[in-house]
Structures are given as structure tokens and as C-alpha cells.
């Protein structure tokens, strides 16, 4: 089955029958340019299924899209946000480091405490926490947000 991108997004809509969504996910797995799956503005109700496809990809395949994935964490009410958050938490910490520091700087400038809180979930991965130690200022900021929302870190 080959469908145009607009039809694919309509099929990925979470209000479609499950069989239609499953067919669309199978088709979306063939997409090589993952940027089209990063929160397509016109199709918000396809985001959960887009996230499912994105989360199946390897760290290497996702490396180019980490900034966009971090932006997804601005609001955990957005469809697919939890899936993206859990996938990022499992990524190679070295791949996450620069993009996360950049996103934290953006969130600080915007005074977006929710985004900082949701990004802090990445500290659940001790290897990421340790990698962030090279940037003590950002490690300290993220730890403060983590502990005020998610609970105490044991490291």
C-alpha cells in the first residue's frame, strides 16, 4: 500500500479504527525523513502514532532529530509526549548531551518551568546524569527540577 502523506496522517489519527491506524503505522515505518513525523502541525491527532514510529528507530537514526524530540516535552498533554520522553531517557547519553543543554538554555530564556521539569526526567538515566556532570550548572538545574516534580534522585 502506498498513500500520499496527507492520507497517511489522516490514517494515523487516533480517532480512526485501530486496523486503519495499524496499516498507517506499517506504512509510516517506511519513511526515511523522520522530520515529517515530528509533530505535524496540521494533524495533531496523529502525533501518538507518529511517536510510536519514531520510538522504534535506533539512536543513530534519531540523532538528527533530538532537538525536535525534546521540544515535544514542552507539554506532556500532547499526544505521544510520554512515548518520546521514555525513548529519550533510553538514548545514548552522549547523543543527548548537547541538544539537551541547548533545550535547557531555551527553556530558561523562555522561563518555561514545565518544559524544564519534563526534560529533567532524562536524569532517570544515571549515565545521562553522569555525562551531564561536565556541565555542572545544567546538571544542578535539571536535578533541582527533577527532585521537585519526580522525586528524590539517589545519586
C-alpha atoms as a PDB file:
ATOM      1  CA  UNK A   1       0.000   0.000   0.000  1.00  0.00           C
ATOM      2  CA  UNK A   2       1.343   3.399  -0.944  1.00  0.00           C
ATOM      3  CA  UNK A   3      -0.505   6.518   0.149  1.00  0.00           C
ATOM      4  CA  UNK A   4       0.230  10.231  -0.054  1.00  0.00           C
ATOM      5  CA  UNK A   5       1.412  11.934   3.123  1.00  0.00           C
ATOM      6  CA  UNK A   6      -1.900  13.687   3.860  1.00  0.00           C
ATOM      7  CA  UNK A   7      -3.826  10.435   3.622  1.00  0.00           C
ATOM      8  CA  UNK A   8      -1.214   8.764   5.814  1.00  0.00           C
ATOM      9  CA  UNK A   9      -1.634  11.379   8.542  1.00  0.00           C
ATOM     10  CA  UNK A  10      -5.408  11.026   8.358  1.00  0.00           C
ATOM     11  CA  UNK A  11      -4.986   7.280   8.778  1.00  0.00           C
ATOM     12  CA  UNK A  12      -2.613   7.820  11.737  1.00  0.00           C
ATOM     13  CA  UNK A  13      -5.304   9.840  13.529  1.00  0.00           C
ATOM     14  CA  UNK A  14      -6.091   8.204  16.865  1.00  0.00           C
ATOM     15  CA  UNK A  15      -9.830   8.512  16.109  1.00  0.00           C
ATOM     16  CA  UNK A  16      -9.537   6.105  13.175  1.00  0.00           C
ATOM     17  CA  UNK A  17     -10.366   2.415  13.635  1.00  0.00           C
ATOM     18  CA  UNK A  18      -7.414   0.503  15.103  1.00  0.00           C
ATOM     19  CA  UNK A  19      -6.942  -1.505  11.882  1.00  0.00           C
ATOM     20  CA  UNK A  20      -6.564   1.719   9.877  1.00  0.00           C
ATOM     21  CA  UNK A  21      -4.057   3.055  12.411  1.00  0.00           C
ATOM     22  CA  UNK A  22      -2.060  -0.182  12.315  1.00  0.00           C
ATOM     23  CA  UNK A  23      -1.910  -0.078   8.497  1.00  0.00           C
ATOM     24  CA  UNK A  24      -0.775   3.541   8.689  1.00  0.00           C
ATOM     25  CA  UNK A  25       1.939   2.729  11.231  1.00  0.00           C
ATOM     26  CA  UNK A  26       3.247  -0.028   8.953  1.00  0.00           C
ATOM     27  CA  UNK A  27       3.331   2.485   6.086  1.00  0.00           C
ATOM     28  CA  UNK A  28       4.925   5.228   8.228  1.00  0.00           C
ATOM     29  CA  UNK A  29       7.772   2.885   9.187  1.00  0.00           C
ATOM     30  CA  UNK A  30       8.950   3.164   5.563  1.00  0.00           C
ATOM     31  CA  UNK A  31       9.513   6.934   5.838  1.00  0.00           C
ATOM     32  CA  UNK A  32      13.198   7.786   5.913  1.00  0.00           C
ATOM     33  CA  UNK A  33      12.864  11.548   6.535  1.00  0.00           C
ATOM     34  CA  UNK A  34      11.601  11.428  10.095  1.00  0.00           C
ATOM     35  CA  UNK A  35      11.116  15.186  10.298  1.00  0.00           C
ATOM     36  CA  UNK A  36       7.653  14.775   8.750  1.00  0.00           C
ATOM     37  CA  UNK A  37       6.640  12.718  11.791  1.00  0.00           C
ATOM     38  CA  UNK A  38       7.802  15.341  14.313  1.00  0.00           C
ATOM     39  CA  UNK A  39       4.515  16.841  15.495  1.00  0.00           C
ATOM     40  CA  UNK A  40       2.944  17.602  12.106  1.00  0.00           C
ATOM     41  CA  UNK A  41       1.016  20.803  12.878  1.00  0.00           C
ATOM     42  CA  UNK A  42      -1.945  20.020  10.656  1.00  0.00           C
ATOM     43  CA  UNK A  43      -2.502  16.571  12.166  1.00  0.00           C
ATOM     44  CA  UNK A  44      -2.218  16.804  15.961  1.00  0.00           C
ATOM     45  CA  UNK A  45      -4.306  13.661  16.493  1.00  0.00           C
ATOM     46  CA  UNK A  46      -1.721  11.637  14.564  1.00  0.00           C
ATOM     47  CA  UNK A  47       1.078  12.549  16.989  1.00  0.00           C
ATOM     48  CA  UNK A  48       0.691   9.490  19.237  1.00  0.00           C
ATOM     49  CA  UNK A  49       1.090   7.142  16.281  1.00  0.00           C
ATOM     50  CA  UNK A  50       3.910   9.267  14.847  1.00  0.00           C
ATOM     51  CA  UNK A  51       5.647   8.920  18.227  1.00  0.00           C
ATOM     52  CA  UNK A  52       5.223   5.143  18.105  1.00  0.00           C
ATOM     53  CA  UNK A  53       7.043   5.019  14.763  1.00  0.00           C
ATOM     54  CA  UNK A  54       9.757   7.418  15.931  1.00  0.00           C
ATOM     55  CA  UNK A  55      10.375   5.437  19.114  1.00  0.00           C
ATOM     56  CA  UNK A  56      11.078   2.270  17.124  1.00  0.00           C
ATOM     57  CA  UNK A  57      14.085   3.918  15.467  1.00  0.00           C
ATOM     58  CA  UNK A  58      17.682   3.417  16.579  1.00  0.00           C
ATOM     59  CA  UNK A  59      19.697   6.078  18.351  1.00  0.00           C
ATOM     60  CA  UNK A  60      21.688   6.587  15.174  1.00  0.00           C
ATOM     61  CA  UNK A  61      18.517   7.159  13.144  1.00  0.00           C
ATOM     62  CA  UNK A  62      17.223   9.628  15.754  1.00  0.00           C
ATOM     63  CA  UNK A  63      20.451  11.530  16.316  1.00  0.00           C
ATOM     64  CA  UNK A  64      19.474  14.302  13.855  1.00  0.00           C
ATOM     65  CA  UNK A  65      16.069  14.789  15.492  1.00  0.00           C
ATOM     66  CA  UNK A  66      16.886  15.053  19.207  1.00  0.00           C
ATOM     67  CA  UNK A  67      16.111  18.799  19.396  1.00  0.00           C
ATOM     68  CA  UNK A  68      12.681  18.225  17.867  1.00  0.00           C
ATOM     69  CA  UNK A  69      12.056  15.332  20.228  1.00  0.00           C
ATOM     70  CA  UNK A  70      12.997  17.483  23.225  1.00  0.00           C
ATOM     71  CA  UNK A  71      10.554  20.161  22.046  1.00  0.00           C
ATOM     72  CA  UNK A  72       7.838  17.509  22.234  1.00  0.00           C
ATOM     73  CA  UNK A  73       8.377  17.542  26.007  1.00  0.00           C
ATOM     74  CA  UNK A  74       7.121  21.110  26.347  1.00  0.00           C
ATOM     75  CA  UNK A  75       3.708  19.722  27.225  1.00  0.00           C
ATOM     76  CA  UNK A  76       3.084  16.177  28.420  1.00  0.00           C
ATOM     77  CA  UNK A  77      -0.571  16.555  27.456  1.00  0.00           C
ATOM     78  CA  UNK A  78       0.458  16.466  23.807  1.00  0.00           C
ATOM     79  CA  UNK A  79      -0.238  13.111  22.163  1.00  0.00           C
ATOM     80  CA  UNK A  80       2.910  10.986  22.090  1.00  0.00           C
ATOM     81  CA  UNK A  81       4.831  13.072  24.654  1.00  0.00           C
ATOM     82  CA  UNK A  82       5.231  10.232  27.164  1.00  0.00           C
ATOM     83  CA  UNK A  83       6.461   7.849  24.467  1.00  0.00           C
ATOM     84  CA  UNK A  84       9.027  10.394  23.283  1.00  0.00           C
ATOM     85  CA  UNK A  85      10.128  11.133  26.862  1.00  0.00           C
ATOM     86  CA  UNK A  86      10.696   7.448  27.600  1.00  0.00           C
ATOM     87  CA  UNK A  87      12.577   6.937  24.322  1.00  0.00           C
ATOM     88  CA  UNK A  88      14.860   9.904  25.010  1.00  0.00           C
ATOM     89  CA  UNK A  89      15.550   8.596  28.502  1.00  0.00           C
ATOM     90  CA  UNK A  90      16.876   5.360  26.971  1.00  0.00           C
ATOM     91  CA  UNK A  91      19.128   7.047  24.406  1.00  0.00           C
ATOM     92  CA  UNK A  92      22.891   7.097  24.475  1.00  0.00           C
ATOM     93  CA  UNK A  93      23.672   9.959  26.887  1.00  0.00           C
ATOM     94  CA  UNK A  94      26.441  11.336  24.694  1.00  0.00           C
ATOM     95  CA  UNK A  95      23.957  11.823  21.851  1.00  0.00           C
ATOM     96  CA  UNK A  96      21.576  13.688  24.167  1.00  0.00           C
ATOM     97  CA  UNK A  97      24.060  15.961  25.879  1.00  0.00           C
ATOM     98  CA  UNK A  98      24.442  18.949  23.532  1.00  0.00           C
ATOM     99  CA  UNK A  99      20.817  19.016  22.390  1.00  0.00           C
ATOM    100  CA  UNK A 100      19.580  18.857  25.984  1.00  0.00           C
ATOM    101  CA  UNK A 101      21.855  21.667  27.139  1.00  0.00           C
ATOM    102  CA  UNK A 102      20.622  23.755  24.206  1.00  0.00           C
ATOM    103  CA  UNK A 103      16.977  22.976  25.082  1.00  0.00           C
ATOM    104  CA  UNK A 104      17.557  23.781  28.764  1.00  0.00           C
ATOM    105  CA  UNK A 105      19.037  27.150  27.760  1.00  0.00           C
ATOM    106  CA  UNK A 106      15.970  27.820  25.596  1.00  0.00           C
ATOM    107  CA  UNK A 107      13.593  26.829  28.393  1.00  0.00           C
ATOM    108  CA  UNK A 108      15.433  29.076  30.856  1.00  0.00           C
ATOM    109  CA  UNK A 109      15.204  32.015  28.448  1.00  0.00           C
ATOM    110  CA  UNK A 110      11.503  31.349  27.972  1.00  0.00           C
ATOM    111  CA  UNK A 111      11.025  30.802  31.715  1.00  0.00           C
ATOM    112  CA  UNK A 112       9.284  27.563  30.770  1.00  0.00           C
ATOM    113  CA  UNK A 113       9.389  25.671  34.061  1.00  0.00           C
ATOM    114  CA  UNK A 114       7.132  22.879  32.810  1.00  0.00           C
ATOM    115  CA  UNK A 115       9.490  22.115  29.949  1.00  0.00           C
ATOM    116  CA  UNK A 116      12.457  22.109  32.340  1.00  0.00           C
ATOM    117  CA  UNK A 117      10.542  19.778  34.631  1.00  0.00           C
ATOM    118  CA  UNK A 118       9.662  17.343  31.859  1.00  0.00           C
ATOM    119  CA  UNK A 119      13.178  17.363  30.398  1.00  0.00           C
ATOM    120  CA  UNK A 120      14.563  16.642  33.857  1.00  0.00           C
ATOM    121  CA  UNK A 121      13.020  13.157  33.545  1.00  0.00           C
ATOM    122  CA  UNK A 122      16.065  12.306  31.430  1.00  0.00           C
ATOM    123  CA  UNK A 123      18.115  12.274  34.654  1.00  0.00           C
ATOM    124  CA  UNK A 124      16.388   8.997  35.470  1.00  0.00           C
ATOM    125  CA  UNK A 125      19.146   7.559  33.282  1.00  0.00           C
ATOM    126  CA  UNK A 126      22.186   7.681  35.600  1.00  0.00           C
ATOM    127  CA  UNK A 127      24.533   7.555  32.618  1.00  0.00           C
ATOM    128  CA  UNK A 128      22.960  10.764  31.320  1.00  0.00           C
ATOM    129  CA  UNK A 129      23.252  12.336  34.771  1.00  0.00           C
ATOM    130  CA  UNK A 130      26.936  11.382  34.840  1.00  0.00           C
ATOM    131  CA  UNK A 131      27.530  12.690  31.301  1.00  0.00           C
ATOM    132  CA  UNK A 132      25.925  15.971  32.323  1.00  0.00           C
ATOM    133  CA  UNK A 133      28.478  16.334  35.137  1.00  0.00           C
ATOM    134  CA  UNK A 134      30.796  18.011  32.612  1.00  0.00           C
ATOM    135  CA  UNK A 135      28.214  20.816  32.633  1.00  0.00           C
ATOM    136  CA  UNK A 136      27.684  21.150  36.393  1.00  0.00           C
ATOM    137  CA  UNK A 137      25.432  24.207  36.081  1.00  0.00           C
ATOM    138  CA  UNK A 138      22.933  22.363  33.891  1.00  0.00           C
ATOM    139  CA  UNK A 139      23.189  19.163  35.890  1.00  0.00           C
ATOM    140  CA  UNK A 140      22.318  21.135  39.035  1.00  0.00           C
ATOM    141  CA  UNK A 141      19.375  22.920  37.368  1.00  0.00           C
ATOM    142  CA  UNK A 142      17.940  19.696  35.974  1.00  0.00           C
ATOM    143  CA  UNK A 143      18.395  17.858  39.266  1.00  0.00           C
ATOM    144  CA  UNK A 144      16.510  20.622  41.108  1.00  0.00           C
ATOM    145  CA  UNK A 145      13.605  20.338  38.644  1.00  0.00           C
ATOM    146  CA  UNK A 146      13.687  16.536  38.761  1.00  0.00           C
ATOM    147  CA  UNK A 147      13.518  16.357  42.533  1.00  0.00           C
ATOM    148  CA  UNK A 148      10.776  18.984  42.828  1.00  0.00           C
ATOM    149  CA  UNK A 149       8.492  17.011  40.482  1.00  0.00           C
ATOM    150  CA  UNK A 150       9.572  13.380  40.035  1.00  0.00           C
ATOM    151  CA  UNK A 151      11.092  12.726  43.475  1.00  0.00           C
ATOM    152  CA  UNK A 152      14.498  12.237  45.046  1.00  0.00           C
ATOM    153  CA  UNK A 153      17.418  11.122  42.925  1.00  0.00           C
ATOM    154  CA  UNK A 154      19.596   8.572  44.718  1.00  0.00           C
ATOM    155  CA  UNK A 155      22.786   9.803  43.083  1.00  0.00           C
END
